[in-house]
Amino acid sequence: MGRIPQQTIDEILSKTDIESLIGEYVSFTKKTGQNLFGLCPFHSEKTPSFSVSPSKGIYKCFGCDRSGNAISFIMEMDNCNFQEAVKKLGDRCGVPVQADDDDWAPNDEIRQAKKRVRSILTSAAGFYYKAFKDPKVGKQAREYAASRQLSEETLTKFGIGFAPDGFDNLYKYLSKKGYSDDDLMNSGLFVRSKRGNIIDLFRKRLMVPIFDFKGQIVAFGGRNLGTELPKYVNSPDSLVYKKQEHLYALNFARQSKTRQLIIVEGYMDAIAMHQAGINNAVAALGTSFTDKQLRLASKYADEIVFFFDSDTAGRNAALRATNMMLTYLRRFTGMKIRIKIARVPDGKDPDEYIKTYGAESFKSVVRSAQDVNDYLFSRAYDDNYTDDGGLDLTGFQDDIVKYGSWISDGIKREKMATEASRYLGARTETIIASMEHAESDNIDAAAKSEMRDAKREEQQQIDSRAEERKDLSAGDDVVSREELELFVRAVRLKGVIADQSKVDRADVLRKGDFTGKNMKELVSFFLENFGAEGVSDAVLVSKLQELIFNGQRAESVYLNACDSIREEDNEQSAIDMYKKCLYGIRLKRCEDELNLLAPAIRAATDKDQKEELMNKMAKLEYLRDLLIKKDSEI
């Protein structure tokens, strides 16, 4: 995708209701002036410090210092790039955005590399599919598929293939198509041998293409056909694939009419469920369910039903996922999604159960899924019920307090505590107090960890911006407190600054009023995009997110300055304060130049040179006196 026109970005930001947008994630609990406050979605906290300004179209957290506009919020929430976020917001508010390139990247080299990887993956899928269909080569794979009772329709729908035995079958096939070794290694389909040769990652395995939610192949999973280990081999992360950001079969499940998603651990389970007519099933990709996958699922479902394996690993995974989801939902207070945990009877996996008892029986298992708080109570009880038929009250108490601390819903927490009190012989209020204390400790520990992560991420952003602006030298990011105040006050004047009856043309700020190149660039952007209402903070933030001020993210520096500079009560006061800032900066510049000119004039030996310097001094003295006069008249 080419660069999106600034006027398109401006229109999208002006039409986006940031209160409504962020309100889908954050419940606003108070209002101060024109700002709304809620718990920050970016870090754990007890007291709301996340502020949204609907009038300015921006947000800022006073706890973790995250800030931005609607575009940056979508980038953060949906883990997408700038172009994708603009496109999503454009769809939301009815502004068309050209989006003909799904492989947007910071530079053309990476963008082209992504295109080549997608092409390689598509060619590989064709190779695997052809091998599967080959009467001789794919015989064992087709027999395995038949043993799993996969129909021809299902095999075609999911693009099932076969990776033949041998170390370089796919490598030779793709090399003949002209792909370079670098591109092949970028695809995630190959590894290097100890001798340094490129060899196929998948060999003698049933191949399952992994699609993104739009139906594009981004990776593969390979299932062995016998008893050798590992049972599954999956593509590593690549230029186009991050396993923690995808859900297998979501490209099909999102077309389901229901607002429920069933999430299973393995893609073979998901395939079996779709074949049985349960078309709202998806699979997690990897050993643990992630917050990014939950966020993705929440876009298509109001209720999520999880199936975990019944073995010890599966039960541990269920607790980890439950803790993660409840922590996530505590933070994203505006997101309303119901979480249920289901158990397949007799320790079977979903695929096995469907084959044995049929789809309708499995649907009954789905309907009997427990709400997450009921599941956690059952786990606390079952995990501490001893072989001799007694309940280990110490272990039960520890688990109840721990699990109850994960639940932020007061009613559900009280229900759990009330039921536990019957076993523990303690008052419900005492148990709730213990849960709240544990919750407070959890939030404090998470906040410390998240702050460390935020600092690392902030530095990575700063380094990335510096890398993209290699032409800048040391000091180019410098901006003084006075310069920031001048710019903030100019922005606040909106269209008034262009009204010559109120602000003389000579008193309009210009690039020369500022020192650093980054600040000059921002001022140029401001002047070039100035409209009847000036330039909004939301639009400025888009530009600021490219810049660095004083070694920090420019948007944070700017918004912090906005918070610290008092807004004037009326228009004339705002104009006066703007002019005082402007005159102060220009007067200081005059005096600095005059201080440099005096010794230069004394040292000059050439008559013409000395006369030129004297003329320059006279002009500066005239300007200095004029600025002093103007300032005194305010």
Foldseek 3Di string as FASTA:
>chain_A
DDDWDLVLVQVLLVQDQLCVVLLLQFDFDDDDDQKTWTFALQAFDDDTQWIARRVQQKIAGPQLGDIAHQQVVCCVLQVDDSLVSSCVSCVVRVHHTDDPQPQDDPDPVLSVLVVLLLVLLVVVLVVFAVLCPPVPSNVLVVVLCVVLVQDPVLCVVQSKGFAEADWCPSVVVVVVVPDDPVSVVQNQQWDADPVGHTTGPDYQFTKTFFAALQGRGRWIKTAHSDPDPDRIDIRDAHSRDDLQQGWGLNVQLLPDPAQEAEEEADVSLVSLLVVLVNRRYTYRDDLAHAPNNVSVSLVRHQEYEYEFQPDPSRVVRVVVNLLRVLVSCVNRVSHHHWYWYFYDPPRDGNSVSCVVPNNVVVVVRRVPTGGSLVVQLVCLQVVQQDPVGRGPLVSSLVSLLAVLLSHPPPVSSLVSLVVNCVVNVDDSVVSVVSSVVNNVVVSVVRNVVSSVVSVVVQLVLLVVLCVVPVVFDPPLQEWDLLRLVLVLLLLVLFQVCVPCVQHNPVQRDALVLTDHNLSNVLRVVQVVPRDNRGRRLNSSSVSQSSGHHPSGRRNSVNVVSNVVDDDDPDNNVSSLVSLLSSLVSLLVVLVVVLVVLVVVLVPDDDPVVNVVSVVVNVVSVVVNVVSVVVNVVD
